[in-house]
C-alpha atoms as a PDB file:
ATOM      1  CA  MET A   1     135.894 118.161  66.693  1.00  0.00           C
ATOM      2  CA  GLU A   2     139.210 116.437  66.675  1.00  0.00           C
ATOM      3  CA  ALA A   3     141.017 114.894  63.953  1.00  0.00           C
ATOM      4  CA  VAL A   4     143.664 112.305  64.336  1.00  0.00           C
ATOM      5  CA  ALA A   5     146.553 111.149  61.909  1.00  0.00           C
ATOM      6  CA  ARG A   6     149.335 108.567  62.389  1.00  0.00           C
ATOM      7  CA  ALA A   7     152.365 107.563  60.384  1.00  0.00           C
ATOM      8  CA  ARG A   8     153.489 104.366  62.052  1.00  0.00           C
ATOM      9  CA  TYR A   9     156.947 102.389  61.524  1.00  0.00           C
ATOM     10  CA  VAL A  10     158.464 105.514  59.950  1.00  0.00           C
ATOM     11  CA  ARG A  11     162.257 104.992  59.247  1.00  0.00           C
ATOM     12  CA  ILE A  12     163.654 107.803  61.091  1.00  0.00           C
ATOM     13  CA  SER A  13     164.810 107.985  64.946  1.00  0.00           C
ATOM     14  CA  PRO A  14     162.168 109.420  67.288  1.00  0.00           C
ATOM     15  CA  ARG A  15     164.721 112.040  68.910  1.00  0.00           C
ATOM     16  CA  LYS A  16     165.367 113.424  65.210  1.00  0.00           C
ATOM     17  CA  ALA A  17     161.567 113.717  64.672  1.00  0.00           C
ATOM     18  CA  ARG A  18     160.765 115.199  67.931  1.00  0.00           C
ATOM     19  CA  LEU A  19     162.775 118.431  67.065  1.00  0.00           C
ATOM     20  CA  VAL A  20     160.565 118.970  64.054  1.00  0.00           C
ATOM     21  CA  VAL A  21     157.431 118.377  66.109  1.00  0.00           C
ATOM     22  CA  ASP A  22     158.349 120.400  69.109  1.00  0.00           C
ATOM     23  CA  ALA A  23     158.561 123.314  66.583  1.00  0.00           C
ATOM     24  CA  ILE A  24     154.992 123.236  65.155  1.00  0.00           C
ATOM     25  CA  ARG A  25     152.983 122.143  68.174  1.00  0.00           C
ATOM     26  CA  GLY A  26     150.354 124.672  68.795  1.00  0.00           C
ATOM     27  CA  MET A  27     150.629 126.460  65.646  1.00  0.00           C
ATOM     28  CA  ASN A  28     147.831 126.960  63.157  1.00  0.00           C
ATOM     29  CA  VAL A  29     147.823 124.420  60.349  1.00  0.00           C
ATOM     30  CA  GLY A  30     148.943 126.780  57.428  1.00  0.00           C
ATOM     31  CA  GLU A  31     151.599 128.515  59.495  1.00  0.00           C
ATOM     32  CA  ALA A  32     152.814 124.980  60.533  1.00  0.00           C
ATOM     33  CA  LEU A  33     153.235 123.476  57.014  1.00  0.00           C
ATOM     34  CA  ASN A  34     154.748 126.813  55.963  1.00  0.00           C
ATOM     35  CA  ARG A  35     157.490 126.275  58.605  1.00  0.00           C
ATOM     36  CA  LEU A  36     157.954 122.598  57.635  1.00  0.00           C
ATOM     37  CA  LYS A  37     158.496 123.442  54.109  1.00  0.00           C
ATOM     38  CA  PHE A  38     161.564 125.500  54.866  1.00  0.00           C
ATOM     39  CA  THR A  39     162.905 123.172  57.665  1.00  0.00           C
ATOM     40  CA  PRO A  40     165.968 121.241  56.292  1.00  0.00           C
ATOM     41  CA  LYS A  41     165.397 118.153  57.903  1.00  0.00           C
ATOM     42  CA  LYS A  42     163.873 114.617  56.834  1.00  0.00           C
ATOM     43  CA  ALA A  43     161.251 114.721  59.441  1.00  0.00           C
ATOM     44  CA  ALA A  44     159.884 117.933  57.997  1.00  0.00           C
ATOM     45  CA  ARG A  45     158.577 116.075  55.095  1.00  0.00           C
ATOM     46  CA  LEU A  46     157.337 113.307  57.202  1.00  0.00           C
ATOM     47  CA  VAL A  47     155.486 115.340  59.625  1.00  0.00           C
ATOM     48  CA  SER A  48     153.893 117.569  56.937  1.00  0.00           C
ATOM     49  CA  LYS A  49     152.413 114.577  55.426  1.00  0.00           C
ATOM     50  CA  VAL A  50     150.718 113.305  58.537  1.00  0.00           C
ATOM     51  CA  ILE A  51     149.488 117.148  59.066  1.00  0.00           C
ATOM     52  CA  GLU A  52     147.887 116.973  55.734  1.00  0.00           C
ATOM     53  CA  SER A  53     146.309 113.607  56.425  1.00  0.00           C
ATOM     54  CA  ALA A  54     144.964 115.000  59.733  1.00  0.00           C
ATOM     55  CA  VAL A  55     143.452 118.031  57.736  1.00  0.00           C
ATOM     56  CA  ALA A  56     142.030 115.758  55.066  1.00  0.00           C
ATOM     57  CA  ASN A  57     140.607 113.596  57.869  1.00  0.00           C
ATOM     58  CA  ALA A  58     138.869 116.507  59.617  1.00  0.00           C
ATOM     59  CA  SER A  59     137.474 117.927  56.291  1.00  0.00           C
ATOM     60  CA  GLN A  60     135.165 114.954  56.024  1.00  0.00           C
ATOM     61  CA  ARG A  61     132.948 116.373  58.752  1.00  0.00           C
ATOM     62  CA  PRO A  62     130.845 118.969  57.351  1.00  0.00           C
ATOM     63  CA  ASP A  63     130.686 121.480  60.242  1.00  0.00           C
ATOM     64  CA  VAL A  64     134.496 121.895  60.508  1.00  0.00           C
ATOM     65  CA  ASP A  65     136.112 125.075  58.885  1.00  0.00           C
ATOM     66  CA  VAL A  66     139.382 123.905  57.612  1.00  0.00           C
ATOM     67  CA  ASP A  67     141.044 127.356  57.810  1.00  0.00           C
ATOM     68  CA  ARG A  68     140.502 127.677  61.489  1.00  0.00           C
ATOM     69  CA  LEU A  69     142.403 124.440  62.358  1.00  0.00           C
ATOM     70  CA  TYR A  70     145.448 124.044  64.692  1.00  0.00           C
ATOM     71  CA  ILE A  71     147.652 121.499  66.039  1.00  0.00           C
ATOM     72  CA  LYS A  72     146.336 120.563  69.423  1.00  0.00           C
ATOM     73  CA  ARG A  73     148.629 117.766  69.948  1.00  0.00           C
ATOM     74  CA  ALA A  74     151.643 116.203  67.886  1.00  0.00           C
ATOM     75  CA  TYR A  75     153.991 113.817  69.628  1.00  0.00           C
ATOM     76  CA  VAL A  76     156.438 111.082  68.151  1.00  0.00           C
ATOM     77  CA  ASP A  77     156.678 107.686  69.982  1.00  0.00           C
ATOM     78  CA  GLY A  78     159.478 105.055  69.425  1.00  0.00           C
ATOM     79  CA  GLY A  79     158.567 102.251  67.019  1.00  0.00           C
ATOM     80  CA  PRO A  80     160.453  98.677  66.981  1.00  0.00           C
ATOM     81  CA  MET A  81     164.020  98.769  66.176  1.00  0.00           C
ATOM     82  CA  LEU A  82     165.788  96.931  63.467  1.00  0.00           C
ATOM     83  CA  LYS A  83     168.594  95.240  64.860  1.00  0.00           C
ATOM     84  CA  ARG A  84     171.710  94.638  62.655  1.00  0.00           C
ATOM     85  CA  TRP A  85     175.352  93.315  63.585  1.00  0.00           C
ATOM     86  CA  ARG A  86     178.671  95.101  62.860  1.00  0.00           C
ATOM     87  CA  PRO A  87     181.878  93.182  62.891  1.00  0.00           C
ATOM     88  CA  ARG A  88     184.575  94.493  65.139  1.00  0.00           C
ATOM     89  CA  ALA A  89     187.949  93.776  66.079  1.00  0.00           C
ATOM     90  CA  MET A  90     189.210  90.405  67.882  1.00  0.00           C
ATOM     91  CA  GLY A  91     185.678  88.493  66.721  1.00  0.00           C
ATOM     92  CA  ARG A  92     183.420  91.001  68.555  1.00  0.00           C
ATOM     93  CA  ALA A  93     180.043  92.161  67.188  1.00  0.00           C
ATOM     94  CA  TYR A  94     178.463  95.523  67.782  1.00  0.00           C
ATOM     95  CA  ILE A  95     174.729  95.903  67.215  1.00  0.00           C
ATOM     96  CA  ILE A  96     173.365  98.567  65.036  1.00  0.00           C
ATOM     97  CA  ARG A  97     169.730  99.911  66.234  1.00  0.00           C
ATOM     98  CA  LYS A  98     167.748 101.208  63.232  1.00  0.00           C
ATOM     99  CA  ARG A  99     165.336 103.092  64.968  1.00  0.00           C
ATOM    100  CA  THR A 100     161.587 103.587  63.786  1.00  0.00           C
ATOM    101  CA  SER A 101     159.060 106.342  64.959  1.00  0.00           C
ATOM    102  CA  HIS A 102     155.206 106.517  65.246  1.00  0.00           C
ATOM    103  CA  ILE A 103     154.200 110.233  64.448  1.00  0.00           C
ATOM    104  CA  THR A 104     150.811 111.254  65.688  1.00  0.00           C
ATOM    105  CA  VAL A 105     149.156 114.477  64.970  1.00  0.00           C
ATOM    106  CA  VAL A 106     145.787 115.810  66.459  1.00  0.00           C
ATOM    107  CA  VAL A 107     144.212 118.855  64.813  1.00  0.00           C
ATOM    108  CA  ASP A 108     140.972 120.734  66.376  1.00  0.00           C
ATOM    109  CA  GLU A 109     138.990 123.838  65.361  1.00  0.00           C
ATOM    110  CA  ARG A 110     139.930 127.186  67.129  1.00  0.00           C
END
């Protein structure tokens, strides 16, 4: 039985978060959490929280063995952008896009 967890509107660029998610897709949950613990990126902490939430969701079912869970699907979608303006030379303005992400993790039993 699958269990899903999502973190929405996370203040990190989807491109940066995908680097971390691609590294743990298909792994056992314990192995993935161990790898994320030693990954020196901000997204590693955010993704590990989503994985722990998915494991907690799966453990609510009585027939699921938590030790046999693996990451079936993990992906990052872009969320809405916060748009800010920066003054530039000769009266111009440049837009600064502060990107957000939606991180989704699906765990299943092997």
